[in-house]
N, C-alpha and C. Protein backbone atom coordinates (compact mmCIF):
# COMPACT_ATOMS: atom_id res chain seq x y z
N UNK A 1 36.95 79.80 10.28
CA UNK A 1 37.98 78.81 10.01
C UNK A 1 37.31 77.46 9.83
N UNK A 2 37.26 76.98 8.65
CA UNK A 2 36.63 75.71 8.37
C UNK A 2 37.64 74.59 8.49
N UNK A 3 37.18 73.48 8.99
CA UNK A 3 38.05 72.32 9.12
C UNK A 3 37.30 71.09 8.71
N UNK A 4 38.04 70.02 8.41
CA UNK A 4 37.37 68.81 8.00
C UNK A 4 36.94 67.98 9.20
N UNK A 5 37.45 68.27 10.38
CA UNK A 5 37.00 67.62 11.59
C UNK A 5 37.28 66.14 11.64
N UNK A 6 38.34 65.68 10.97
CA UNK A 6 38.66 64.27 11.00
C UNK A 6 38.77 63.78 12.43
N UNK A 7 37.95 62.78 12.75
CA UNK A 7 38.04 62.19 14.07
C UNK A 7 37.31 62.94 15.16
N UNK A 8 36.51 63.94 14.83
CA UNK A 8 35.77 64.68 15.86
C UNK A 8 34.44 63.98 16.08
N UNK A 9 34.19 63.63 17.34
CA UNK A 9 32.94 62.99 17.71
C UNK A 9 32.32 63.74 18.88
N UNK A 10 31.02 63.84 18.86
CA UNK A 10 30.28 64.48 19.93
C UNK A 10 29.33 63.46 20.53
N UNK A 11 29.53 63.15 21.80
CA UNK A 11 28.64 62.24 22.51
C UNK A 11 27.63 63.10 23.25
N UNK A 12 26.36 62.93 22.93
CA UNK A 12 25.35 63.78 23.53
C UNK A 12 24.02 63.07 23.70
N UNK A 13 23.03 63.83 24.10
CA UNK A 13 21.69 63.33 24.33
C UNK A 13 20.74 64.33 23.70
N UNK A 14 19.67 63.85 23.08
CA UNK A 14 18.79 64.71 22.31
C UNK A 14 18.19 65.86 23.13
N UNK A 15 17.98 65.64 24.42
CA UNK A 15 17.34 66.67 25.24
C UNK A 15 18.34 67.56 25.98
N UNK A 16 19.62 67.41 25.68
CA UNK A 16 20.63 68.19 26.39
C UNK A 16 20.85 69.55 25.73
N UNK A 17 20.60 70.64 26.46
CA UNK A 17 20.87 71.96 25.87
C UNK A 17 22.37 72.19 25.65
N UNK A 18 23.20 71.50 26.44
CA UNK A 18 24.64 71.64 26.30
C UNK A 18 25.11 71.02 24.98
N UNK A 19 24.57 69.84 24.66
CA UNK A 19 24.92 69.18 23.40
C UNK A 19 24.45 70.03 22.22
N UNK A 20 23.27 70.63 22.35
CA UNK A 20 22.74 71.47 21.28
C UNK A 20 23.65 72.68 21.04
N UNK A 21 24.15 73.28 22.10
CA UNK A 21 25.05 74.43 21.95
C UNK A 21 26.34 74.05 21.22
N UNK A 22 26.87 72.87 21.57
CA UNK A 22 28.11 72.43 20.92
C UNK A 22 27.83 72.11 19.46
N UNK A 23 26.69 71.50 19.15
CA UNK A 23 26.33 71.23 17.75
C UNK A 23 26.28 72.53 16.96
N UNK A 24 25.64 73.55 17.54
CA UNK A 24 25.55 74.85 16.86
C UNK A 24 26.93 75.44 16.62
N UNK A 25 27.78 75.38 17.64
CA UNK A 25 29.13 75.94 17.51
C UNK A 25 29.92 75.22 16.43
N UNK A 26 29.84 73.90 16.39
CA UNK A 26 30.57 73.14 15.37
C UNK A 26 30.05 73.47 13.97
N UNK A 27 28.72 73.63 13.85
CA UNK A 27 28.15 73.99 12.54
C UNK A 27 28.56 75.40 12.13
N UNK A 28 28.55 76.35 13.08
CA UNK A 28 28.96 77.71 12.77
C UNK A 28 30.42 77.78 12.33
N UNK A 29 31.25 76.94 12.94
CA UNK A 29 32.67 76.90 12.59
C UNK A 29 32.95 76.01 11.38
N UNK A 30 31.87 75.40 10.85
CA UNK A 30 31.97 74.49 9.70
C UNK A 30 32.91 73.32 9.96
N UNK A 31 32.84 72.79 11.17
CA UNK A 31 33.64 71.63 11.54
C UNK A 31 32.74 70.40 11.43
N UNK A 32 33.15 69.47 10.60
CA UNK A 32 32.38 68.24 10.42
C UNK A 32 32.65 67.32 11.59
N UNK A 33 31.61 66.68 12.06
CA UNK A 33 31.73 65.82 13.23
C UNK A 33 30.74 64.67 13.12
N UNK A 34 30.97 63.67 13.94
CA UNK A 34 30.04 62.54 14.04
C UNK A 34 29.31 62.68 15.37
N UNK A 35 27.98 62.69 15.31
CA UNK A 35 27.18 62.79 16.52
C UNK A 35 26.83 61.38 16.99
N UNK A 36 27.13 61.09 18.24
CA UNK A 36 26.82 59.78 18.83
C UNK A 36 25.78 60.00 19.91
N UNK A 37 24.57 59.50 19.66
CA UNK A 37 23.48 59.64 20.62
C UNK A 37 23.68 58.64 21.76
N UNK A 38 23.66 59.15 22.98
CA UNK A 38 23.84 58.30 24.16
C UNK A 38 22.48 57.93 24.74
N UNK A 39 22.38 56.71 25.22
CA UNK A 39 21.21 56.25 25.96
C UNK A 39 21.63 56.30 27.43
N UNK A 40 21.14 57.28 28.15
CA UNK A 40 21.67 57.58 29.48
C UNK A 40 21.58 56.45 30.51
N UNK A 41 20.49 55.68 30.55
CA UNK A 41 20.48 54.59 31.52
C UNK A 41 21.54 53.51 31.24
N UNK A 42 21.82 53.27 29.96
CA UNK A 42 22.84 52.29 29.57
C UNK A 42 23.99 53.02 28.90
N UNK A 43 24.94 53.46 29.70
CA UNK A 43 26.05 54.27 29.17
C UNK A 43 26.97 53.42 28.31
N UNK A 44 27.38 53.98 27.19
CA UNK A 44 28.24 53.25 26.26
C UNK A 44 29.66 53.14 26.81
N UNK A 45 30.40 52.13 26.35
CA UNK A 45 31.80 52.01 26.75
C UNK A 45 32.63 53.24 26.35
N UNK A 46 32.26 53.85 25.23
CA UNK A 46 32.98 55.04 24.76
C UNK A 46 32.80 56.20 25.75
N UNK A 47 31.58 56.39 26.23
CA UNK A 47 31.32 57.45 27.20
C UNK A 47 32.10 57.19 28.49
N UNK A 48 32.10 55.95 28.95
CA UNK A 48 32.81 55.61 30.18
C UNK A 48 34.32 55.73 30.01
N UNK A 49 34.81 55.51 28.79
CA UNK A 49 36.25 55.64 28.52
C UNK A 49 36.68 57.10 28.58
N UNK A 50 35.90 57.99 27.95
CA UNK A 50 36.31 59.38 27.85
C UNK A 50 35.85 60.25 29.01
N UNK A 51 34.92 59.78 29.81
CA UNK A 51 34.48 60.53 30.99
C UNK A 51 34.29 59.55 32.15
N UNK A 52 35.39 58.93 32.62
CA UNK A 52 35.27 57.88 33.63
C UNK A 52 34.90 58.39 35.02
N UNK A 53 35.14 59.65 35.30
CA UNK A 53 34.87 60.18 36.64
C UNK A 53 33.38 60.51 36.81
N UNK A 54 32.85 61.36 35.93
CA UNK A 54 31.47 61.81 36.07
C UNK A 54 30.47 60.90 35.35
N UNK A 55 30.93 60.21 34.31
CA UNK A 55 30.09 59.27 33.54
C UNK A 55 28.84 59.96 33.00
N UNK A 56 29.02 61.20 32.53
CA UNK A 56 27.91 61.98 32.00
C UNK A 56 28.26 62.52 30.63
N UNK A 57 27.22 62.94 29.91
CA UNK A 57 27.44 63.64 28.66
C UNK A 57 27.64 65.09 29.04
N UNK A 58 28.22 65.79 28.38
CA UNK A 58 28.62 66.02 27.03
C UNK A 58 30.10 65.68 26.91
N UNK A 59 30.46 64.93 25.86
CA UNK A 59 31.85 64.58 25.63
C UNK A 59 32.18 64.92 24.18
N UNK A 60 33.27 65.64 23.98
CA UNK A 60 33.77 65.96 22.65
C UNK A 60 35.11 65.27 22.49
N UNK A 61 35.23 64.41 21.48
CA UNK A 61 36.42 63.59 21.28
C UNK A 61 37.11 64.01 19.99
N UNK A 62 38.42 64.18 20.07
CA UNK A 62 39.22 64.47 18.88
C UNK A 62 40.45 63.60 18.91
N UNK A 63 40.72 62.90 17.81
CA UNK A 63 41.83 61.95 17.76
C UNK A 63 43.19 62.61 17.96
N UNK A 64 43.29 63.89 17.70
CA UNK A 64 44.59 64.56 17.83
C UNK A 64 45.06 64.65 19.27
N UNK A 65 44.17 64.47 20.23
CA UNK A 65 44.57 64.57 21.64
C UNK A 65 45.61 63.51 21.99
N UNK A 66 45.46 62.31 21.44
CA UNK A 66 46.42 61.24 21.72
C UNK A 66 47.79 61.61 21.15
N UNK A 67 47.80 62.13 19.94
CA UNK A 67 49.06 62.57 19.32
C UNK A 67 49.70 63.67 20.15
N UNK A 68 48.89 64.60 20.63
CA UNK A 68 49.41 65.71 21.41
C UNK A 68 50.06 65.21 22.70
N UNK A 69 49.44 64.25 23.36
CA UNK A 69 50.03 63.69 24.58
C UNK A 69 51.36 63.01 24.30
N UNK A 70 51.45 62.27 23.18
CA UNK A 70 52.70 61.62 22.82
C UNK A 70 53.79 62.64 22.54
N UNK A 71 53.44 63.71 21.83
CA UNK A 71 54.41 64.77 21.54
C UNK A 71 54.84 65.48 22.82
N UNK A 72 53.90 65.65 23.74
CA UNK A 72 54.23 66.30 25.01
C UNK A 72 55.22 65.45 25.81
N UNK A 73 55.05 64.13 25.78
CA UNK A 73 55.99 63.25 26.48
C UNK A 73 57.39 63.38 25.88
N UNK A 74 57.47 63.52 24.55
CA UNK A 74 58.75 63.70 23.89
C UNK A 74 59.39 65.01 24.34
N UNK A 75 58.59 66.08 24.40
CA UNK A 75 59.11 67.37 24.84
C UNK A 75 59.56 67.32 26.30
N UNK A 76 58.78 66.61 27.13
CA UNK A 76 59.16 66.50 28.54
C UNK A 76 60.49 65.77 28.70
N UNK A 77 60.71 64.73 27.89
CA UNK A 77 61.97 64.00 27.99
C UNK A 77 63.14 64.88 27.54
N UNK A 78 62.89 65.79 26.59
CA UNK A 78 63.94 66.71 26.15
C UNK A 78 64.29 67.71 27.24
N UNK A 79 63.34 67.98 28.13
CA UNK A 79 63.55 68.95 29.20
C UNK A 79 64.13 68.34 30.47
N UNK A 80 64.25 67.06 30.53
CA UNK A 80 64.67 66.38 31.75
C UNK A 80 65.97 66.98 32.30
N UNK A 81 65.88 67.49 33.51
CA UNK A 81 67.04 68.08 34.17
C UNK A 81 67.33 69.52 33.76
N UNK A 82 66.53 70.10 32.87
CA UNK A 82 66.74 71.48 32.42
C UNK A 82 65.53 72.32 32.80
N UNK A 83 65.76 73.60 32.94
CA UNK A 83 64.65 74.53 33.17
C UNK A 83 64.01 74.96 31.85
N UNK A 84 64.82 75.01 30.78
CA UNK A 84 64.35 75.46 29.47
C UNK A 84 64.92 74.53 28.40
N UNK A 85 64.34 74.55 27.20
CA UNK A 85 64.83 73.72 26.11
C UNK A 85 66.27 74.04 25.74
N UNK A 86 66.62 75.31 25.83
CA UNK A 86 67.98 75.72 25.48
C UNK A 86 68.98 75.50 26.59
N UNK A 87 68.55 75.03 27.72
CA UNK A 87 69.43 74.82 28.86
C UNK A 87 69.06 75.71 30.02
N UNK A 88 69.84 76.76 30.23
CA UNK A 88 69.62 77.65 31.37
C UNK A 88 68.94 78.96 31.01
N UNK A 89 68.76 79.21 29.71
CA UNK A 89 68.11 80.47 29.30
C UNK A 89 66.90 80.16 28.44
N UNK A 90 65.90 81.04 28.53
CA UNK A 90 64.69 80.86 27.75
C UNK A 90 64.98 81.21 26.29
N UNK A 91 64.35 80.46 25.39
CA UNK A 91 64.57 80.70 23.97
C UNK A 91 63.28 80.60 23.18
N UNK A 92 63.43 80.62 21.86
CA UNK A 92 62.28 80.61 20.96
C UNK A 92 61.42 79.37 21.16
N UNK A 93 62.02 78.20 21.27
CA UNK A 93 61.27 76.95 21.43
C UNK A 93 60.45 76.96 22.71
N UNK A 94 60.99 77.53 23.77
CA UNK A 94 60.23 77.62 25.03
C UNK A 94 58.97 78.47 24.85
N UNK A 95 59.09 79.54 24.12
CA UNK A 95 57.94 80.42 23.86
C UNK A 95 56.95 79.73 22.94
N UNK A 96 57.46 79.06 21.90
CA UNK A 96 56.59 78.46 20.88
C UNK A 96 55.77 77.30 21.40
N UNK A 97 56.32 76.48 22.27
CA UNK A 97 55.60 75.28 22.72
C UNK A 97 55.23 75.33 24.20
N UNK A 98 55.51 76.39 24.88
CA UNK A 98 55.22 76.47 26.30
C UNK A 98 53.75 76.36 26.66
N UNK A 99 52.87 76.74 25.77
CA UNK A 99 51.44 76.70 26.04
C UNK A 99 50.86 75.30 25.97
N UNK A 100 51.56 74.36 25.36
CA UNK A 100 51.00 73.02 25.15
C UNK A 100 50.71 72.32 26.48
N UNK A 101 51.47 72.56 27.49
CA UNK A 101 51.23 71.94 28.79
C UNK A 101 49.86 72.26 29.37
N UNK A 102 49.31 73.39 29.00
CA UNK A 102 47.98 73.77 29.49
C UNK A 102 46.89 72.89 28.92
N UNK A 103 47.12 72.28 27.77
CA UNK A 103 46.11 71.49 27.08
C UNK A 103 46.23 70.01 27.32
N UNK A 104 47.27 69.58 28.00
CA UNK A 104 47.48 68.13 28.17
C UNK A 104 46.69 67.58 29.32
């Protein structure tokens, strides 16, 4: 499955075997990406933004994540006070979008 990889960035370090594995996987999947080399002693603001807890590489960034979170908030507001999108019974929409919560 080839993709154009719009907005895909990989923050890595030249000596990281983990970054190398992700590079290989992206190339095998024909996903175009921008590689951002990190200087580990002086961590970039981008690295600290996307990995604020561990402050380490490897970080894979995709712009669609922000859109997904916004869409998830919309879905959550539609569910307010209900167990399912259809009300009290499970329906097609519950099955179709139920997995999205795992990725948020």
